[in-house]
Amino acid sequence: MLFLLTNRTRAGLGAGDYAELATLAKAFYASIPAGVTIRGEWAAVDRSHNYSLIEAPDIETVRALQAPFARFTDSVIVPVTAITGWTAS
């Protein structure tokens, strides 16, 4: 299944929080679980949001991937499907 994961960085984070967030991100990219593929990633120009298109077996897998970041971000996970024009594929 495909999921669009949107993260918004919480206000009020300090330098230590950003350092911890960077450490978590490096660990995440070093150990993406089998069965999970990141199809694409984008960031808002102001870096306030990031968007990831993730292929995973189910939404619980995506929630588990996001869990370590919960203290630092507000997140929304939406199951999505590819479309062509106005027709679902």
PDB file of N, CA and C in Angstrom:
ATOM      1  N   MET A   1       0.838  -1.180   0.000  1.00  0.00           N
ATOM      2  CA  MET A   1       0.000   0.000   0.000  1.00  0.00           C
ATOM      3  C   MET A   1       0.881   1.241   0.000  1.00  0.00           C
ATOM      4  N   LEU A   2       0.336   2.308  -0.544  1.00  0.00           N
ATOM      5  CA  LEU A   2       1.033   3.588  -0.540  1.00  0.00           C
ATOM      6  C   LEU A   2       0.451   4.508   0.530  1.00  0.00           C
ATOM      7  N   PHE A   3       1.335   5.252   1.186  1.00  0.00           N
ATOM      8  CA  PHE A   3       0.930   6.186   2.235  1.00  0.00           C
ATOM      9  C   PHE A   3       1.672   7.497   2.041  1.00  0.00           C
ATOM     10  N   LEU A   4       0.963   8.606   2.211  1.00  0.00           N
ATOM     11  CA  LEU A   4       1.594   9.916   2.230  1.00  0.00           C
ATOM     12  C   LEU A   4       1.745  10.315   3.691  1.00  0.00           C
ATOM     13  N   LEU A   5       2.980  10.459   4.110  1.00  0.00           N
ATOM     14  CA  LEU A   5       3.300  10.854   5.482  1.00  0.00           C
ATOM     15  C   LEU A   5       3.698  12.321   5.455  1.00  0.00           C
ATOM     16  N   THR A   6       2.963  13.138   6.198  1.00  0.00           N
ATOM     17  CA  THR A   6       3.261  14.563   6.309  1.00  0.00           C
ATOM     18  C   THR A   6       3.701  14.842   7.737  1.00  0.00           C
ATOM     19  N   ASN A   7       4.862  15.444   7.879  1.00  0.00           N
ATOM     20  CA  ASN A   7       5.380  15.825   9.193  1.00  0.00           C
ATOM     21  C   ASN A   7       5.529  17.327   9.262  1.00  0.00           C
ATOM     22  N   ARG A   8       5.072  17.904  10.357  1.00  0.00           N
ATOM     23  CA  ARG A   8       5.287  19.331  10.622  1.00  0.00           C
ATOM     24  C   ARG A   8       6.115  19.416  11.897  1.00  0.00           C
ATOM     25  N   THR A   9       7.249  20.083  11.801  1.00  0.00           N
ATOM     26  CA  THR A   9       8.123  20.229  12.957  1.00  0.00           C
ATOM     27  C   THR A   9       7.413  21.063  14.016  1.00  0.00           C
ATOM     28  N   ARG A  10       7.433  20.577  15.249  1.00  0.00           N
ATOM     29  CA  ARG A  10       6.780  21.303  16.354  1.00  0.00           C
ATOM     30  C   ARG A  10       7.526  22.604  16.655  1.00  0.00           C
ATOM     31  N   ALA A  11       6.786  23.600  17.064  1.00  0.00           N
ATOM     32  CA  ALA A  11       7.374  24.877  17.459  1.00  0.00           C
ATOM     33  C   ALA A  11       8.102  24.711  18.786  1.00  0.00           C
ATOM     34  N   GLY A  12       9.088  25.542  19.013  1.00  0.00           N
ATOM     35  CA  GLY A  12       9.757  25.595  20.307  1.00  0.00           C
ATOM     36  C   GLY A  12      10.859  24.582  20.520  1.00  0.00           C
ATOM     37  N   LEU A  13      11.274  23.893  19.480  1.00  0.00           N
ATOM     38  CA  LEU A  13      12.368  22.937  19.647  1.00  0.00           C
ATOM     39  C   LEU A  13      13.682  23.688  19.780  1.00  0.00           C
ATOM     40  N   GLY A  14      14.538  23.163  20.647  1.00  0.00           N
ATOM     41  CA  GLY A  14      15.847  23.776  20.845  1.00  0.00           C
ATOM     42  C   GLY A  14      16.922  23.040  20.070  1.00  0.00           C
ATOM     43  N   ALA A  15      18.147  23.530  20.185  1.00  0.00           N
ATOM     44  CA  ALA A  15      19.281  22.941  19.466  1.00  0.00           C
ATOM     45  C   ALA A  15      19.462  21.466  19.825  1.00  0.00           C
ATOM     46  N   GLY A  16      19.281  21.131  21.093  1.00  0.00           N
ATOM     47  CA  GLY A  16      19.403  19.730  21.517  1.00  0.00           C
ATOM     48  C   GLY A  16      18.340  18.848  20.881  1.00  0.00           C
ATOM     49  N   ASP A  17      17.130  19.396  20.754  1.00  0.00           N
ATOM     50  CA  ASP A  17      16.051  18.648  20.111  1.00  0.00           C
ATOM     51  C   ASP A  17      16.382  18.370  18.642  1.00  0.00           C
ATOM     52  N   TYR A  18      16.890  19.394  17.946  1.00  0.00           N
ATOM     53  CA  TYR A  18      17.236  19.210  16.541  1.00  0.00           C
ATOM     54  C   TYR A  18      18.381  18.211  16.382  1.00  0.00           C
ATOM     55  N   ALA A  19      19.309  18.215  17.314  1.00  0.00           N
ATOM     56  CA  ALA A  19      20.406  17.241  17.272  1.00  0.00           C
ATOM     57  C   ALA A  19      19.862  15.831  17.459  1.00  0.00           C
ATOM     58  N   GLU A  20      18.949  15.661  18.400  1.00  0.00           N
ATOM     59  CA  GLU A  20      18.345  14.345  18.619  1.00  0.00           C
ATOM     60  C   GLU A  20      17.518  13.915  17.407  1.00  0.00           C
ATOM     61  N   LEU A  21      16.794  14.842  16.826  1.00  0.00           N
ATOM     62  CA  LEU A  21      16.009  14.562  15.629  1.00  0.00           C
ATOM     63  C   LEU A  21      16.913  14.109  14.484  1.00  0.00           C
ATOM     64  N   ALA A  22      18.048  14.760  14.306  1.00  0.00           N
ATOM     65  CA  ALA A  22      18.999  14.378  13.258  1.00  0.00           C
ATOM     66  C   ALA A  22      19.552  12.980  13.510  1.00  0.00           C
ATOM     67  N   THR A  23      19.836  12.655  14.756  1.00  0.00           N
ATOM     68  CA  THR A  23      20.330  11.317  15.099  1.00  0.00           C
ATOM     69  C   THR A  23      19.283  10.260  14.784  1.00  0.00           C
ATOM     70  N   LEU A  24      18.033  10.536  15.130  1.00  0.00           N
ATOM     71  CA  LEU A  24      16.950   9.605  14.822  1.00  0.00           C
ATOM     72  C   LEU A  24      16.787   9.417  13.317  1.00  0.00           C
ATOM     73  N   ALA A  25      16.876  10.508  12.570  1.00  0.00           N
ATOM     74  CA  ALA A  25      16.726  10.423  11.114  1.00  0.00           C
ATOM     75  C   ALA A  25      17.842   9.578  10.504  1.00  0.00           C
ATOM     76  N   LYS A  26      19.073   9.779  10.937  1.00  0.00           N
ATOM     77  CA  LYS A  26      20.188   8.979  10.415  1.00  0.00           C
ATOM     78  C   LYS A  26      19.980   7.503  10.718  1.00  0.00           C
ATOM     79  N   ALA A  27      19.527   7.185  11.922  1.00  0.00           N
ATOM     80  CA  ALA A  27      19.266   5.797  12.293  1.00  0.00           C
ATOM     81  C   ALA A  27      18.139   5.207  11.454  1.00  0.00           C
ATOM     82  N   PHE A  28      17.120   6.002  11.177  1.00  0.00           N
ATOM     83  CA  PHE A  28      16.005   5.540  10.353  1.00  0.00           C
ATOM     84  C   PHE A  28      16.489   5.163   8.955  1.00  0.00           C
ATOM     85  N   TYR A  29      17.227   6.062   8.314  1.00  0.00           N
ATOM     86  CA  TYR A  29      17.673   5.799   6.941  1.00  0.00           C
ATOM     87  C   TYR A  29      18.672   4.648   6.869  1.00  0.00           C
ATOM     88  N   ALA A  30      19.368   4.390   7.947  1.00  0.00           N
ATOM     89  CA  ALA A  30      20.332   3.283   7.973  1.00  0.00           C
ATOM     90  C   ALA A  30      19.662   1.932   8.162  1.00  0.00           C
ATOM     91  N   SER A  31      18.379   1.921   8.542  1.00  0.00           N
ATOM     92  CA  SER A  31      17.735   0.634   8.856  1.00  0.00           C
ATOM     93  C   SER A  31      16.277   0.589   8.421  1.00  0.00           C
ATOM     94  N   ILE A  32      16.000   1.005   7.193  1.00  0.00           N
ATOM     95  CA  ILE A  32      14.628   0.928   6.678  1.00  0.00           C
ATOM     96  C   ILE A  32      14.244  -0.549   6.616  1.00  0.00           C
ATOM     97  N   PRO A  33      13.124  -0.922   7.214  1.00  0.00           N
ATOM     98  CA  PRO A  33      12.762  -2.338   7.287  1.00  0.00           C
ATOM     99  C   PRO A  33      12.451  -2.955   5.920  1.00  0.00           C
ATOM    100  N   ALA A  34      12.641  -4.255   5.834  1.00  0.00           N
ATOM    101  CA  ALA A  34      12.247  -4.991   4.632  1.00  0.00           C
ATOM    102  C   ALA A  34      10.751  -4.780   4.409  1.00  0.00           C
ATOM    103  N   GLY A  35      10.360  -4.661   3.167  1.00  0.00           N
ATOM    104  CA  GLY A  35       8.953  -4.453   2.848  1.00  0.00           C
ATOM    105  C   GLY A  35       8.528  -3.003   2.826  1.00  0.00           C
ATOM    106  N   VAL A  36       9.446  -2.096   3.163  1.00  0.00           N
ATOM    107  CA  VAL A  36       9.154  -0.658   3.164  1.00  0.00           C
ATOM    108  C   VAL A  36      10.049   0.012   2.129  1.00  0.00           C
ATOM    109  N   THR A  37       9.430   0.829   1.265  1.00  0.00           N
ATOM    110  CA  THR A  37      10.172   1.580   0.252  1.00  0.00           C
ATOM    111  C   THR A  37       9.743   3.035   0.321  1.00  0.00           C
ATOM    112  N   ILE A  38      10.715   3.920   0.349  1.00  0.00           N
ATOM    113  CA  ILE A  38      10.415   5.345   0.261  1.00  0.00           C
ATOM    114  C   ILE A  38      10.411   5.695  -1.218  1.00  0.00           C
ATOM    115  N   ARG A  39       9.245   6.045  -1.732  1.00  0.00           N
ATOM    116  CA  ARG A  39       9.091   6.344  -3.157  1.00  0.00           C
ATOM    117  C   ARG A  39       9.520   7.754  -3.509  1.00  0.00           C
ATOM    118  N   GLY A  40       9.473   8.649  -2.541  1.00  0.00           N
ATOM    119  CA  GLY A  40       9.887  10.028  -2.773  1.00  0.00           C
ATOM    120  C   GLY A  40       9.754  10.830  -1.503  1.00  0.00           C
ATOM    121  N   GLU A  41      10.532  11.906  -1.425  1.00  0.00           N
ATOM    122  CA  GLU A  41      10.483  12.803  -0.269  1.00  0.00           C
ATOM    123  C   GLU A  41      10.611  14.238  -0.747  1.00  0.00           C
ATOM    124  N   TRP A  42       9.881  15.119  -0.078  1.00  0.00           N
ATOM    125  CA  TRP A  42       9.896  16.535  -0.407  1.00  0.00           C
ATOM    126  C   TRP A  42       9.860  17.322   0.889  1.00  0.00           C
ATOM    127  N   ALA A  43      10.403  18.534   0.852  1.00  0.00           N
ATOM    128  CA  ALA A  43      10.350  19.435   2.008  1.00  0.00           C
ATOM    129  C   ALA A  43       9.790  20.772   1.556  1.00  0.00           C
ATOM    130  N   ALA A  44       9.038  21.402   2.436  1.00  0.00           N
ATOM    131  CA  ALA A  44       8.588  22.767   2.182  1.00  0.00           C
ATOM    132  C   ALA A  44       9.827  23.654   2.093  1.00  0.00           C
ATOM    133  N   VAL A  45       9.750  24.697   1.307  1.00  0.00           N
ATOM    134  CA  VAL A  45      10.885  25.594   1.128  1.00  0.00           C
ATOM    135  C   VAL A  45      11.356  26.148   2.472  1.00  0.00           C
ATOM    136  N   ASP A  46      10.425  26.416   3.378  1.00  0.00           N
ATOM    137  CA  ASP A  46      10.800  26.960   4.686  1.00  0.00           C
ATOM    138  C   ASP A  46      11.178  25.865   5.691  1.00  0.00           C
ATOM    139  N   ARG A  47      11.188  24.611   5.243  1.00  0.00           N
ATOM    140  CA  ARG A  47      11.579  23.443   6.061  1.00  0.00           C
ATOM    141  C   ARG A  47      10.614  23.155   7.216  1.00  0.00           C
ATOM    142  N   SER A  48       9.434  23.745   7.186  1.00  0.00           N
ATOM    143  CA  SER A  48       8.475  23.524   8.263  1.00  0.00           C
ATOM    144  C   SER A  48       7.745  22.183   8.147  1.00  0.00           C
ATOM    145  N   HIS A  49       7.669  21.650   6.939  1.00  0.00           N
ATOM    146  CA  HIS A  49       6.977  20.385   6.676  1.00  0.00           C
ATOM    147  C   HIS A  49       7.865  19.503   5.802  1.00  0.00           C
ATOM    148  N   ASN A  50       7.681  18.203   5.945  1.00  0.00           N
ATOM    149  CA  ASN A  50       8.240  17.314   4.944  1.00  0.00           C
ATOM    150  C   ASN A  50       7.197  16.265   4.595  1.00  0.00           C
ATOM    151  N   TYR A  51       7.315  15.766   3.383  1.00  0.00           N
ATOM    152  CA  TYR A  51       6.331  14.847   2.818  1.00  0.00           C
ATOM    153  C   TYR A  51       7.056  13.621   2.296  1.00  0.00           C
ATOM    154  N   SER A  52       6.580  12.435   2.658  1.00  0.00           N
ATOM    155  CA  SER A  52       7.192  11.193   2.193  1.00  0.00           C
ATOM    156  C   SER A  52       6.111  10.299   1.614  1.00  0.00           C
ATOM    157  N   LEU A  53       6.375   9.778   0.429  1.00  0.00           N
ATOM    158  CA  LEU A  53       5.499   8.771  -0.163  1.00  0.00           C
ATOM    159  C   LEU A  53       6.142   7.429   0.144  1.00  0.00           C
ATOM    160  N   ILE A  54       5.447   6.637   0.954  1.00  0.00           N
ATOM    161  CA  ILE A  54       5.998   5.393   1.480  1.00  0.00           C
ATOM    162  C   ILE A  54       5.151   4.219   1.038  1.00  0.00           C
ATOM    163  N   GLU A  55       5.820   3.171   0.563  1.00  0.00           N
ATOM    164  CA  GLU A  55       5.140   1.908   0.281  1.00  0.00           C
ATOM    165  C   GLU A  55       5.420   0.986   1.460  1.00  0.00           C
ATOM    166  N   ALA A  56       4.368   0.484   2.066  1.00  0.00           N
ATOM    167  CA  ALA A  56       4.493  -0.375   3.247  1.00  0.00           C
ATOM    168  C   ALA A  56       3.337  -1.372   3.273  1.00  0.00           C
ATOM    169  N   PRO A  57       3.491  -2.461   4.016  1.00  0.00           N
ATOM    170  CA  PRO A  57       2.426  -3.465   4.056  1.00  0.00           C
ATOM    171  C   PRO A  57       1.107  -2.943   4.613  1.00  0.00           C
ATOM    172  N   ASP A  58       1.174  -2.018   5.595  1.00  0.00           N
ATOM    173  CA  ASP A  58      -0.048  -1.531   6.239  1.00  0.00           C
ATOM    174  C   ASP A  58       0.252  -0.238   6.991  1.00  0.00           C
ATOM    175  N   ILE A  59      -0.806   0.421   7.435  1.00  0.00           N
ATOM    176  CA  ILE A  59      -0.645   1.705   8.124  1.00  0.00           C
ATOM    177  C   ILE A  59       0.057   1.543   9.474  1.00  0.00           C
ATOM    178  N   GLU A  60      -0.093   0.407  10.109  1.00  0.00           N
ATOM    179  CA  GLU A  60       0.584   0.193  11.391  1.00  0.00           C
ATOM    180  C   GLU A  60       2.101   0.222  11.228  1.00  0.00           C
ATOM    181  N   THR A  61       2.587  -0.290  10.108  1.00  0.00           N
ATOM    182  CA  THR A  61       4.024  -0.237   9.825  1.00  0.00           C
ATOM    183  C   THR A  61       4.492   1.206   9.724  1.00  0.00           C
ATOM    184  N   VAL A  62       3.734   2.046   9.041  1.00  0.00           N
ATOM    185  CA  VAL A  62       4.100   3.462   8.894  1.00  0.00           C
ATOM    186  C   VAL A  62       4.021   4.162  10.251  1.00  0.00           C
ATOM    187  N   ARG A  63       3.016   3.853  11.033  1.00  0.00           N
ATOM    188  CA  ARG A  63       2.913   4.444  12.384  1.00  0.00           C
ATOM    189  C   ARG A  63       4.121   4.072  13.234  1.00  0.00           C
ATOM    190  N   ALA A  64       4.557   2.823  13.131  1.00  0.00           N
ATOM    191  CA  ALA A  64       5.735   2.378  13.895  1.00  0.00           C
ATOM    192  C   ALA A  64       6.994   3.108  13.433  1.00  0.00           C
ATOM    193  N   LEU A  65       7.112   3.348  12.121  1.00  0.00           N
ATOM    194  CA  LEU A  65       8.257   4.090  11.600  1.00  0.00           C
ATOM    195  C   LEU A  65       8.261   5.526  12.117  1.00  0.00           C
ATOM    196  N   GLN A  66       7.096   6.107  12.237  1.00  0.00           N
ATOM    197  CA  GLN A  66       6.965   7.503  12.661  1.00  0.00           C
ATOM    198  C   GLN A  66       7.100   7.674  14.175  1.00  0.00           C
ATOM    199  N   ALA A  67       6.806   6.664  14.934  1.00  0.00           N
ATOM    200  CA  ALA A  67       6.735   6.767  16.400  1.00  0.00           C
ATOM    201  C   ALA A  67       7.954   7.426  17.059  1.00  0.00           C
ATOM    202  N   PRO A  68       9.182   7.099  16.674  1.00  0.00           N
ATOM    203  CA  PRO A  68      10.325   7.741  17.339  1.00  0.00           C
ATOM    204  C   PRO A  68      10.385   9.265  17.154  1.00  0.00           C
ATOM    205  N   PHE A  69       9.693   9.766  16.142  1.00  0.00           N
ATOM    206  CA  PHE A  69       9.732  11.193  15.830  1.00  0.00           C
ATOM    207  C   PHE A  69       8.566  11.970  16.451  1.00  0.00           C
ATOM    208  N   ALA A  70       7.668  11.288  17.134  1.00  0.00           N
ATOM    209  CA  ALA A  70       6.421  11.896  17.613  1.00  0.00           C
ATOM    210  C   ALA A  70       6.641  13.090  18.539  1.00  0.00           C
ATOM    211  N   ARG A  71       7.699  13.081  19.307  1.00  0.00           N
ATOM    212  CA  ARG A  71       7.972  14.190  20.226  1.00  0.00           C
ATOM    213  C   ARG A  71       8.359  15.467  19.482  1.00  0.00           C
ATOM    214  N   PHE A  72       8.829  15.311  18.249  1.00  0.00           N
ATOM    215  CA  PHE A  72       9.361  16.439  17.496  1.00  0.00           C
ATOM    216  C   PHE A  72       8.441  16.934  16.376  1.00  0.00           C
ATOM    217  N   THR A  73       7.481  16.104  15.965  1.00  0.00           N
ATOM    218  CA  THR A  73       6.643  16.450  14.818  1.00  0.00           C
ATOM    219  C   THR A  73       5.176  16.142  15.070  1.00  0.00           C
ATOM    220  N   ASP A  74       4.329  16.889  14.406  1.00  0.00           N
ATOM    221  CA  ASP A  74       2.921  16.532  14.274  1.00  0.00           C
ATOM    222  C   ASP A  74       2.825  15.843  12.922  1.00  0.00           C
ATOM    223  N   SER A  75       2.183  14.683  12.876  1.00  0.00           N
ATOM    224  CA  SER A  75       2.188  13.882  11.657  1.00  0.00           C
ATOM    225  C   SER A  75       0.790  13.487  11.227  1.00  0.00           C
ATOM    226  N   VAL A  76       0.646  13.331   9.923  1.00  0.00           N
ATOM    227  CA  VAL A  76      -0.585  12.829   9.324  1.00  0.00           C
ATOM    228  C   VAL A  76      -0.179  11.746   8.339  1.00  0.00           C
ATOM    229  N   ILE A  77      -0.843  10.599   8.418  1.00  0.00           N
ATOM    230  CA  ILE A  77      -0.589   9.489   7.501  1.00  0.00           C
ATOM    231  C   ILE A  77      -1.879   9.224   6.740  1.00  0.00           C
ATOM    232  N   VAL A  78      -1.793   9.294   5.407  1.00  0.00           N
ATOM    233  CA  VAL A  78      -2.972   9.113   4.561  1.00  0.00           C
ATOM    234  C   VAL A  78      -2.693   8.000   3.549  1.00  0.00           C
ATOM    235  N   PRO A  79      -3.525   6.947   3.531  1.00  0.00           N
ATOM    236  CA  PRO A  79      -3.399   5.960   2.453  1.00  0.00           C
ATOM    237  C   PRO A  79      -3.758   6.636   1.131  1.00  0.00           C
ATOM    238  N   VAL A  80      -2.941   6.405   0.096  1.00  0.00           N
ATOM    239  CA  VAL A  80      -3.177   7.041  -1.198  1.00  0.00           C
ATOM    240  C   VAL A  80      -3.082   6.011  -2.320  1.00  0.00           C
ATOM    241  N   THR A  81      -3.580   6.400  -3.479  1.00  0.00           N
ATOM    242  CA  THR A  81      -3.471   5.591  -4.680  1.00  0.00           C
ATOM    243  C   THR A  81      -3.070   6.496  -5.836  1.00  0.00           C
ATOM    244  N   ALA A  82      -2.344   5.938  -6.773  1.00  0.00           N
ATOM    245  CA  ALA A  82      -1.943   6.720  -7.941  1.00  0.00           C
ATOM    246  C   ALA A  82      -3.169   6.946  -8.830  1.00  0.00           C
ATOM    247  N   ILE A  83      -3.202   8.111  -9.453  1.00  0.00           N
ATOM    248  CA  ILE A  83      -4.287   8.389 -10.400  1.00  0.00           C
ATOM    249  C   ILE A  83      -3.681   8.903 -11.700  1.00  0.00           C
ATOM    250  N   THR A  84      -4.422   8.722 -12.761  1.00  0.00           N
ATOM    251  CA  THR A  84      -4.061   9.270 -14.063  1.00  0.00           C
ATOM    252  C   THR A  84      -5.248  10.090 -14.513  1.00  0.00           C
ATOM    253  N   GLY A  85      -5.052  11.378 -14.675  1.00  0.00           N
ATOM    254  CA  GLY A  85      -6.189  12.224 -14.988  1.00  0.00           C
ATOM    255  C   GLY A  85      -7.180  12.150 -13.846  1.00  0.00           C
ATOM    256  N   TRP A  86      -8.412  11.752 -14.166  1.00  0.00           N
ATOM    257  CA  TRP A  86      -9.437  11.625 -13.128  1.00  0.00           C
ATOM    258  C   TRP A  86      -9.774  10.163 -12.872  1.00  0.00           C
ATOM    259  N   THR A  87      -8.920   9.256 -13.296  1.00  0.00           N
ATOM    260  CA  THR A  87      -9.216   7.829 -13.177  1.00  0.00           C
ATOM    261  C   THR A  87      -8.209   7.179 -12.226  1.00  0.00           C
ATOM    262  N   ALA A  88      -8.695   6.479 -11.212  1.00  0.00           N
ATOM    263  CA  ALA A  88      -7.794   5.763 -10.304  1.00  0.00           C
ATOM    264  C   ALA A  88      -7.154   4.618 -11.074  1.00  0.00           C
ATOM    265  N   SER A  89      -5.868   4.384 -10.810  1.00  0.00           N
ATOM    266  CA  SER A  89      -5.193   3.284 -11.484  1.00  0.00           C
ATOM    267  C   SER A  89      -5.037   2.095 -10.563  1.00  0.00           C
TER     268      SER A  89
END
